[in-house]
């Protein structure tokens, strides 16, 4: 069975990369943040996705970038509560 795209999961790879880039750029001092590019990243990330899915990708990206921080706190920061999960 042929793979879809280059990797077989291209869309997932791109979404994860966009979320990680967006969260990383947010960590820059405000005067150094490329706001126009960040808004474009957010639009690309949100295109065709539910807001809850976007929040989940952003929270997961922040967890990857800051592994020492409490994941539950990060998820709550993005409006994702532990109620209804697990």
Protein backbone atom coordinates (compact mmCIF):
# COMPACT_ATOMS: atom_id res chain seq x y z
CA UNK A 1 0.00 0.00 0.00
CA UNK A 2 1.55 3.34 -1.02
CA UNK A 3 2.21 5.99 1.60
CA UNK A 4 0.29 9.24 1.55
CA UNK A 5 2.74 12.09 1.08
CA UNK A 6 6.42 11.78 1.83
CA UNK A 7 6.32 10.20 5.28
CA UNK A 8 2.87 8.69 5.42
CA UNK A 9 1.93 11.16 8.14
CA UNK A 10 3.00 14.49 6.63
CA UNK A 11 0.10 16.50 8.04
CA UNK A 12 0.84 15.41 11.61
CA UNK A 13 4.55 16.25 11.22
CA UNK A 14 3.74 19.72 9.87
CA UNK A 15 1.19 20.45 12.61
CA UNK A 16 3.66 19.43 15.32
CA UNK A 17 6.38 21.56 13.73
CA UNK A 18 4.07 24.59 13.48
CA UNK A 19 2.98 24.25 17.11
CA UNK A 20 6.54 23.84 18.34
CA UNK A 21 7.77 26.83 16.32
CA UNK A 22 4.90 29.00 17.56
CA UNK A 23 5.50 28.15 21.22
CA UNK A 24 9.27 28.63 20.83
CA UNK A 25 8.78 32.08 19.26
CA UNK A 26 6.50 33.05 22.15
CA UNK A 27 9.46 32.55 24.49
CA UNK A 28 11.47 35.32 22.83
CA UNK A 29 11.42 38.76 24.40
CA UNK A 30 8.36 40.55 23.04
CA UNK A 31 10.39 43.08 21.04
CA UNK A 32 12.08 40.21 19.18
CA UNK A 33 8.95 38.20 18.41
CA UNK A 34 8.12 38.20 14.69
CA UNK A 35 4.41 38.94 15.27
CA UNK A 36 3.34 38.83 11.59
CA UNK A 37 5.02 35.46 11.10
CA UNK A 38 3.62 34.16 14.36
CA UNK A 39 0.12 35.11 13.29
CA UNK A 40 0.69 33.28 9.99
CA UNK A 41 1.90 30.21 11.90
CA UNK A 42 -1.22 30.31 14.06
CA UNK A 43 -3.46 30.59 10.98
CA UNK A 44 -1.74 27.62 9.35
CA UNK A 45 -2.02 25.63 12.56
CA UNK A 46 -5.71 26.45 12.99
CA UNK A 47 -6.74 25.89 9.36
CA UNK A 48 -9.31 23.12 9.27
CA UNK A 49 -8.85 22.18 12.93
CA UNK A 50 -11.07 22.56 15.96
CA UNK A 51 -9.81 25.12 18.51
CA UNK A 52 -9.50 22.34 21.10
CA UNK A 53 -7.17 20.41 18.78
CA UNK A 54 -5.01 23.51 18.28
CA UNK A 55 -4.81 24.02 22.05
CA UNK A 56 -3.80 20.39 22.49
CA UNK A 57 -0.99 20.67 19.92
CA UNK A 58 0.28 23.87 21.54
CA UNK A 59 0.20 22.34 25.02
CA UNK A 60 2.04 19.24 23.81
CA UNK A 61 4.66 21.44 22.12
CA UNK A 62 5.19 23.43 25.31
CA UNK A 63 5.56 20.18 27.27
CA UNK A 64 8.26 19.06 24.82
CA UNK A 65 10.09 22.40 25.02
CA UNK A 66 9.90 22.54 28.83
CA UNK A 67 10.12 18.95 30.08
CA UNK A 68 10.88 20.06 33.65
CA UNK A 69 7.58 21.94 33.98
CA UNK A 70 4.43 20.29 35.29
CA UNK A 71 2.46 19.01 32.26
CA UNK A 72 -0.91 19.42 34.00
CA UNK A 73 -0.16 23.10 34.62
CA UNK A 74 0.76 23.56 30.98
CA UNK A 75 -2.42 21.84 29.78
CA UNK A 76 -4.50 24.03 32.11
CA UNK A 77 -2.70 27.10 30.72
CA UNK A 78 -4.13 26.15 27.32
CA UNK A 79 -7.62 25.59 28.69
CA UNK A 80 -7.37 21.82 28.84
CA UNK A 81 -8.53 20.40 32.16
CA UNK A 82 -7.91 16.96 33.57
CA UNK A 83 -11.68 16.45 33.99
CA UNK A 84 -12.95 13.94 31.51
CA UNK A 85 -9.48 12.58 30.74
CA UNK A 86 -7.85 9.38 31.82
